[in-house]
Amino acid sequence: MKVYIVEDEANILKDLIHLIQKIPFVQLVGYSDSVQKAKTEIPQLEPDLLLADIKLKDNDVFKIQTLGVAPHH
């Protein structure tokens, strides 16, 4: 399973990465601290799961879909 993280708090991001790397069937494909960067990377990396903080410094994570990123089916 491919996972992408959107989190702007460095300590939380570090902890999430550490936890995910311990799960054998999970592959961390990327992470971002901003909605803008995530909006660019998610379509390219095609994660199966998105772990996201709701409120980020640059925007609301729910804006990812409204900014043109939609789930792949």
PDB file of N, CA and C in Angstrom:
ATOM      1  N   MET A   1       0.836  -1.165   0.000  1.00  0.00           N
ATOM      2  CA  MET A   1       0.000   0.000   0.000  1.00  0.00           C
ATOM      3  C   MET A   1       0.891   1.241   0.000  1.00  0.00           C
ATOM      4  N   LYS A   2       0.611   2.161  -0.900  1.00  0.00           N
ATOM      5  CA  LYS A   2       1.372   3.405  -1.014  1.00  0.00           C
ATOM      6  C   LYS A   2       0.692   4.502  -0.188  1.00  0.00           C
ATOM      7  N   VAL A   3       1.488   5.190   0.644  1.00  0.00           N
ATOM      8  CA  VAL A   3       0.970   6.224   1.537  1.00  0.00           C
ATOM      9  C   VAL A   3       1.673   7.551   1.272  1.00  0.00           C
ATOM     10  N   TYR A   4       0.886   8.619   1.339  1.00  0.00           N
ATOM     11  CA  TYR A   4       1.408   9.981   1.220  1.00  0.00           C
ATOM     12  C   TYR A   4       0.937  10.752   2.454  1.00  0.00           C
ATOM     13  N   ILE A   5       1.832  11.562   3.039  1.00  0.00           N
ATOM     14  CA  ILE A   5       1.514  12.329   4.249  1.00  0.00           C
ATOM     15  C   ILE A   5       1.524  13.823   3.941  1.00  0.00           C
ATOM     16  N   VAL A   6       0.504  14.521   4.463  1.00  0.00           N
ATOM     17  CA  VAL A   6       0.472  15.983   4.411  1.00  0.00           C
ATOM     18  C   VAL A   6       0.421  16.475   5.859  1.00  0.00           C
ATOM     19  N   GLU A   7       1.517  17.044   6.319  1.00  0.00           N
ATOM     20  CA  GLU A   7       1.637  17.489   7.719  1.00  0.00           C
ATOM     21  C   GLU A   7       2.661  18.608   7.796  1.00  0.00           C
ATOM     22  N   ASP A   8       2.290  19.711   8.440  1.00  0.00           N
ATOM     23  CA  ASP A   8       3.210  20.841   8.517  1.00  0.00           C
ATOM     24  C   ASP A   8       3.945  20.962   9.858  1.00  0.00           C
ATOM     25  N   GLU A   9       3.654  20.114  10.802  1.00  0.00           N
ATOM     26  CA  GLU A   9       4.385  20.097  12.075  1.00  0.00           C
ATOM     27  C   GLU A   9       5.526  19.082  11.962  1.00  0.00           C
ATOM     28  N   ALA A  10       6.750  19.547  12.018  1.00  0.00           N
ATOM     29  CA  ALA A  10       7.931  18.709  11.768  1.00  0.00           C
ATOM     30  C   ALA A  10       8.011  17.497  12.690  1.00  0.00           C
ATOM     31  N   ASN A  11       7.738  17.673  13.976  1.00  0.00           N
ATOM     32  CA  ASN A  11       7.829  16.549  14.915  1.00  0.00           C
ATOM     33  C   ASN A  11       6.777  15.479  14.636  1.00  0.00           C
ATOM     34  N   ILE A  12       5.576  15.906  14.315  1.00  0.00           N
ATOM     35  CA  ILE A  12       4.508  14.949  13.995  1.00  0.00           C
ATOM     36  C   ILE A  12       4.845  14.215  12.705  1.00  0.00           C
ATOM     37  N   LEU A  13       5.317  14.942  11.707  1.00  0.00           N
ATOM     38  CA  LEU A  13       5.709  14.322  10.441  1.00  0.00           C
ATOM     39  C   LEU A  13       6.790  13.274  10.663  1.00  0.00           C
ATOM     40  N   LYS A  14       7.792  13.618  11.450  1.00  0.00           N
ATOM     41  CA  LYS A  14       8.878  12.683  11.750  1.00  0.00           C
ATOM     42  C   LYS A  14       8.340  11.418  12.423  1.00  0.00           C
ATOM     43  N   ASP A  15       7.434  11.584  13.381  1.00  0.00           N
ATOM     44  CA  ASP A  15       6.856  10.429  14.071  1.00  0.00           C
ATOM     45  C   ASP A  15       6.024   9.558  13.124  1.00  0.00           C
ATOM     46  N   LEU A  16       5.233  10.191  12.267  1.00  0.00           N
ATOM     47  CA  LEU A  16       4.424   9.435  11.305  1.00  0.00           C
ATOM     48  C   LEU A  16       5.311   8.644  10.346  1.00  0.00           C
ATOM     49  N   ILE A  17       6.359   9.268   9.853  1.00  0.00           N
ATOM     50  CA  ILE A  17       7.282   8.577   8.952  1.00  0.00           C
ATOM     51  C   ILE A  17       7.898   7.374   9.651  1.00  0.00           C
ATOM     52  N   HIS A  18       8.329   7.573  10.875  1.00  0.00           N
ATOM     53  CA  HIS A  18       8.930   6.493  11.654  1.00  0.00           C
ATOM     54  C   HIS A  18       7.951   5.325  11.833  1.00  0.00           C
ATOM     55  N   LEU A  19       6.709   5.633  12.176  1.00  0.00           N
ATOM     56  CA  LEU A  19       5.699   4.581  12.363  1.00  0.00           C
ATOM     57  C   LEU A  19       5.393   3.840  11.060  1.00  0.00           C
ATOM     58  N   ILE A  20       5.245   4.588   9.986  1.00  0.00           N
ATOM     59  CA  ILE A  20       4.910   3.977   8.693  1.00  0.00           C
ATOM     60  C   ILE A  20       6.025   3.065   8.211  1.00  0.00           C
ATOM     61  N   GLN A  21       7.260   3.456   8.439  1.00  0.00           N
ATOM     62  CA  GLN A  21       8.386   2.645   7.986  1.00  0.00           C
ATOM     63  C   GLN A  21       8.477   1.312   8.718  1.00  0.00           C
ATOM     64  N   LYS A  22       7.793   1.170   9.825  1.00  0.00           N
ATOM     65  CA  LYS A  22       7.789  -0.092  10.573  1.00  0.00           C
ATOM     66  C   LYS A  22       6.761  -1.091  10.051  1.00  0.00           C
ATOM     67  N   ILE A  23       5.861  -0.642   9.194  1.00  0.00           N
ATOM     68  CA  ILE A  23       4.806  -1.514   8.673  1.00  0.00           C
ATOM     69  C   ILE A  23       5.289  -2.127   7.358  1.00  0.00           C
ATOM     70  N   PRO A  24       5.462  -3.451   7.321  1.00  0.00           N
ATOM     71  CA  PRO A  24       6.092  -4.086   6.155  1.00  0.00           C
ATOM     72  C   PRO A  24       5.351  -3.922   4.829  1.00  0.00           C
ATOM     73  N   PHE A  25       4.049  -3.870   4.839  1.00  0.00           N
ATOM     74  CA  PHE A  25       3.300  -3.803   3.583  1.00  0.00           C
ATOM     75  C   PHE A  25       2.966  -2.375   3.154  1.00  0.00           C
ATOM     76  N   VAL A  26       3.500  -1.391   3.860  1.00  0.00           N
ATOM     77  CA  VAL A  26       3.223   0.012   3.557  1.00  0.00           C
ATOM     78  C   VAL A  26       4.488   0.675   3.023  1.00  0.00           C
ATOM     79  N   GLN A  27       4.321   1.404   1.922  1.00  0.00           N
ATOM     80  CA  GLN A  27       5.432   2.136   1.306  1.00  0.00           C
ATOM     81  C   GLN A  27       5.113   3.630   1.357  1.00  0.00           C
ATOM     82  N   LEU A  28       5.962   4.394   2.013  1.00  0.00           N
ATOM     83  CA  LEU A  28       5.800   5.843   2.030  1.00  0.00           C
ATOM     84  C   LEU A  28       6.306   6.381   0.693  1.00  0.00           C
ATOM     85  N   VAL A  29       5.402   6.932  -0.107  1.00  0.00           N
ATOM     86  CA  VAL A  29       5.793   7.418  -1.430  1.00  0.00           C
ATOM     87  C   VAL A  29       6.104   8.905  -1.443  1.00  0.00           C
ATOM     88  N   GLY A  30       5.700   9.612  -0.387  1.00  0.00           N
ATOM     89  CA  GLY A  30       6.011  11.027  -0.329  1.00  0.00           C
ATOM     90  C   GLY A  30       5.345  11.703   0.842  1.00  0.00           C
ATOM     91  N   TYR A  31       5.775  12.949   1.062  1.00  0.00           N
ATOM     92  CA  TYR A  31       5.168  13.756   2.107  1.00  0.00           C
ATOM     93  C   TYR A  31       5.352  15.225   1.767  1.00  0.00           C
ATOM     94  N   SER A  32       4.507  16.040   2.368  1.00  0.00           N
ATOM     95  CA  SER A  32       4.545  17.465   2.099  1.00  0.00           C
ATOM     96  C   SER A  32       4.134  18.229   3.342  1.00  0.00           C
ATOM     97  N   ASP A  33       4.613  19.459   3.442  1.00  0.00           N
ATOM     98  CA  ASP A  33       4.182  20.323   4.527  1.00  0.00           C
ATOM     99  C   ASP A  33       3.248  21.424   4.026  1.00  0.00           C
ATOM    100  N   SER A  34       2.804  21.300   2.753  1.00  0.00           N
ATOM    101  CA  SER A  34       1.908  22.310   2.192  1.00  0.00           C
ATOM    102  C   SER A  34       0.904  21.685   1.231  1.00  0.00           C
ATOM    103  N   VAL A  35      -0.245  22.320   1.145  1.00  0.00           N
ATOM    104  CA  VAL A  35      -1.282  21.862   0.214  1.00  0.00           C
ATOM    105  C   VAL A  35      -0.788  22.005  -1.221  1.00  0.00           C
ATOM    106  N   GLN A  36      -0.110  23.102  -1.511  1.00  0.00           N
ATOM    107  CA  GLN A  36       0.361  23.341  -2.883  1.00  0.00           C
ATOM    108  C   GLN A  36       1.304  22.245  -3.366  1.00  0.00           C
ATOM    109  N   LYS A  37       2.257  21.863  -2.540  1.00  0.00           N
ATOM    110  CA  LYS A  37       3.192  20.797  -2.921  1.00  0.00           C
ATOM    111  C   LYS A  37       2.459  19.461  -3.052  1.00  0.00           C
ATOM    112  N   ALA A  38       1.564  19.181  -2.112  1.00  0.00           N
ATOM    113  CA  ALA A  38       0.798  17.934  -2.157  1.00  0.00           C
ATOM    114  C   ALA A  38      -0.046  17.861  -3.424  1.00  0.00           C
ATOM    115  N   LYS A  39      -0.633  18.974  -3.795  1.00  0.00           N
ATOM    116  CA  LYS A  39      -1.466  19.038  -5.002  1.00  0.00           C
ATOM    117  C   LYS A  39      -0.669  18.647  -6.245  1.00  0.00           C
ATOM    118  N   THR A  40       0.598  18.990  -6.264  1.00  0.00           N
ATOM    119  CA  THR A  40       1.472  18.658  -7.391  1.00  0.00           C
ATOM    120  C   THR A  40       1.919  17.201  -7.351  1.00  0.00           C
ATOM    121  N   GLU A  41       2.280  16.712  -6.159  1.00  0.00           N
ATOM    122  CA  GLU A  41       2.878  15.378  -6.044  1.00  0.00           C
ATOM    123  C   GLU A  41       1.867  14.229  -6.025  1.00  0.00           C
ATOM    124  N   ILE A  42       0.718  14.422  -5.422  1.00  0.00           N
ATOM    125  CA  ILE A  42      -0.244  13.316  -5.278  1.00  0.00           C
ATOM    126  C   ILE A  42      -0.643  12.697  -6.619  1.00  0.00           C
ATOM    127  N   PRO A  43      -0.975  13.486  -7.638  1.00  0.00           N
ATOM    128  CA  PRO A  43      -1.333  12.858  -8.923  1.00  0.00           C
ATOM    129  C   PRO A  43      -0.186  12.062  -9.546  1.00  0.00           C
ATOM    130  N   GLN A  44       1.046  12.510  -9.328  1.00  0.00           N
ATOM    131  CA  GLN A  44       2.210  11.819  -9.891  1.00  0.00           C
ATOM    132  C   GLN A  44       2.506  10.518  -9.143  1.00  0.00           C
ATOM    133  N   LEU A  45       2.371  10.541  -7.827  1.00  0.00           N
ATOM    134  CA  LEU A  45       2.753   9.398  -6.996  1.00  0.00           C
ATOM    135  C   LEU A  45       1.622   8.381  -6.807  1.00  0.00           C
ATOM    136  N   GLU A  46       0.395   8.787  -7.026  1.00  0.00           N
ATOM    137  CA  GLU A  46      -0.791   7.936  -6.946  1.00  0.00           C
ATOM    138  C   GLU A  46      -0.837   7.072  -5.681  1.00  0.00           C
ATOM    139  N   PRO A  47      -0.852   7.714  -4.490  1.00  0.00           N
ATOM    140  CA  PRO A  47      -0.926   6.936  -3.254  1.00  0.00           C
ATOM    141  C   PRO A  47      -2.287   6.265  -3.095  1.00  0.00           C
ATOM    142  N   ASP A  48      -2.292   5.167  -2.349  1.00  0.00           N
ATOM    143  CA  ASP A  48      -3.541   4.479  -2.011  1.00  0.00           C
ATOM    144  C   ASP A  48      -4.193   5.119  -0.796  1.00  0.00           C
ATOM    145  N   LEU A  49      -3.381   5.741   0.050  1.00  0.00           N
ATOM    146  CA  LEU A  49      -3.859   6.323   1.300  1.00  0.00           C
ATOM    147  C   LEU A  49      -3.207   7.670   1.516  1.00  0.00           C
ATOM    148  N   LEU A  50      -4.012   8.642   1.924  1.00  0.00           N
ATOM    149  CA  LEU A  50      -3.518   9.975   2.230  1.00  0.00           C
ATOM    150  C   LEU A  50      -3.729  10.227   3.717  1.00  0.00           C
ATOM    151  N   LEU A  51      -2.626  10.459   4.451  1.00  0.00           N
ATOM    152  CA  LEU A  51      -2.697  10.848   5.858  1.00  0.00           C
ATOM    153  C   LEU A  51      -2.465  12.345   5.897  1.00  0.00           C
ATOM    154  N   ALA A  52      -3.466  13.099   6.361  1.00  0.00           N
ATOM    155  CA  ALA A  52      -3.354  14.542   6.250  1.00  0.00           C
ATOM    156  C   ALA A  52      -3.850  15.268   7.493  1.00  0.00           C
ATOM    157  N   ASP A  53      -3.097  16.264   7.884  1.00  0.00           N
ATOM    158  CA  ASP A  53      -3.523  17.220   8.883  1.00  0.00           C
ATOM    159  C   ASP A  53      -4.631  18.049   8.231  1.00  0.00           C
ATOM    160  N   ILE A  54      -5.642  18.396   8.975  1.00  0.00           N
ATOM    161  CA  ILE A  54      -6.763  19.139   8.389  1.00  0.00           C
ATOM    162  C   ILE A  54      -6.385  20.587   8.104  1.00  0.00           C
ATOM    163  N   LYS A  55      -5.779  21.264   9.062  1.00  0.00           N
ATOM    164  CA  LYS A  55      -5.437  22.673   8.891  1.00  0.00           C
ATOM    165  C   LYS A  55      -3.930  22.825   8.788  1.00  0.00           C
ATOM    166  N   LEU A  56      -3.491  23.308   7.639  1.00  0.00           N
ATOM    167  CA  LEU A  56      -2.069  23.551   7.400  1.00  0.00           C
ATOM    168  C   LEU A  56      -1.813  25.051   7.350  1.00  0.00           C
ATOM    169  N   LYS A  57      -0.562  25.428   7.409  1.00  0.00           N
ATOM    170  CA  LYS A  57      -0.214  26.849   7.407  1.00  0.00           C
ATOM    171  C   LYS A  57      -0.636  27.555   6.123  1.00  0.00           C
ATOM    172  N   ASP A  58      -0.564  26.857   4.993  1.00  0.00           N
ATOM    173  CA  ASP A  58      -0.856  27.514   3.715  1.00  0.00           C
ATOM    174  C   ASP A  58      -2.294  27.345   3.244  1.00  0.00           C
ATOM    175  N   ASN A  59      -3.039  26.408   3.831  1.00  0.00           N
ATOM    176  CA  ASN A  59      -4.402  26.176   3.348  1.00  0.00           C
ATOM    177  C   ASN A  59      -5.061  25.086   4.173  1.00  0.00           C
ATOM    178  N   ASP A  60      -6.268  24.782   3.828  1.00  0.00           N
ATOM    179  CA  ASP A  60      -7.043  23.711   4.428  1.00  0.00           C
ATOM    180  C   ASP A  60      -6.845  22.474   3.554  1.00  0.00           C
ATOM    181  N   VAL A  61      -6.542  21.321   4.159  1.00  0.00           N
ATOM    182  CA  VAL A  61      -6.235  20.119   3.378  1.00  0.00           C
ATOM    183  C   VAL A  61      -7.400  19.704   2.475  1.00  0.00           C
ATOM    184  N   PHE A  62      -8.622  20.078   2.835  1.00  0.00           N
ATOM    185  CA  PHE A  62      -9.761  19.746   1.991  1.00  0.00           C
ATOM    186  C   PHE A  62      -9.710  20.485   0.656  1.00  0.00           C
ATOM    187  N   LYS A  63      -8.865  21.480   0.564  1.00  0.00           N
ATOM    188  CA  LYS A  63      -8.688  22.212  -0.700  1.00  0.00           C
ATOM    189  C   LYS A  63      -7.913  21.386  -1.729  1.00  0.00           C
ATOM    190  N   ILE A  64      -7.271  20.320  -1.314  1.00  0.00           N
ATOM    191  CA  ILE A  64      -6.508  19.509  -2.266  1.00  0.00           C
ATOM    192  C   ILE A  64      -7.415  19.040  -3.394  1.00  0.00           C
ATOM    193  N   GLN A  65      -8.581  18.535  -3.065  1.00  0.00           N
ATOM    194  CA  GLN A  65      -9.490  18.060  -4.106  1.00  0.00           C
ATOM    195  C   GLN A  65     -10.053  19.218  -4.919  1.00  0.00           C
ATOM    196  N   THR A  66     -10.402  20.327  -4.261  1.00  0.00           N
ATOM    197  CA  THR A  66     -10.969  21.450  -4.997  1.00  0.00           C
ATOM    198  C   THR A  66      -9.926  22.159  -5.852  1.00  0.00           C
ATOM    199  N   LEU A  67      -8.656  21.918  -5.583  1.00  0.00           N
ATOM    200  CA  LEU A  67      -7.606  22.514  -6.397  1.00  0.00           C
ATOM    201  C   LEU A  67      -7.237  21.640  -7.597  1.00  0.00           C
ATOM    202  N   GLY A  68      -8.012  20.588  -7.819  1.00  0.00           N
ATOM    203  CA  GLY A  68      -7.788  19.793  -9.015  1.00  0.00           C
ATOM    204  C   GLY A  68      -7.232  18.416  -8.790  1.00  0.00           C
ATOM    205  N   VAL A  69      -7.008  18.007  -7.561  1.00  0.00           N
ATOM    206  CA  VAL A  69      -6.530  16.663  -7.289  1.00  0.00           C
ATOM    207  C   VAL A  69      -7.717  15.814  -6.896  1.00  0.00           C
ATOM    208  N   ALA A  70      -7.971  14.805  -7.680  1.00  0.00           N
ATOM    209  CA  ALA A  70      -9.098  13.911  -7.396  1.00  0.00           C
ATOM    210  C   ALA A  70      -8.573  12.481  -7.283  1.00  0.00           C
ATOM    211  N   PRO A  71      -9.276  11.653  -6.532  1.00  0.00           N
ATOM    212  CA  PRO A  71      -8.836  10.248  -6.405  1.00  0.00           C
ATOM    213  C   PRO A  71      -8.836   9.541  -7.753  1.00  0.00           C
ATOM    214  N   HIS A  72      -7.874   8.646  -7.925  1.00  0.00           N
ATOM    215  CA  HIS A  72      -7.816   7.827  -9.142  1.00  0.00           C
ATOM    216  C   HIS A  72      -8.639   6.572  -8.931  1.00  0.00           C
ATOM    217  N   HIS A  73      -9.472   6.229  -9.884  1.00  0.00           N
ATOM    218  CA  HIS A  73     -10.278   4.997  -9.779  1.00  0.00           C
ATOM    219  C   HIS A  73      -9.904   4.029 -10.858  1.00  0.00           C
TER     220      HIS A  73
END
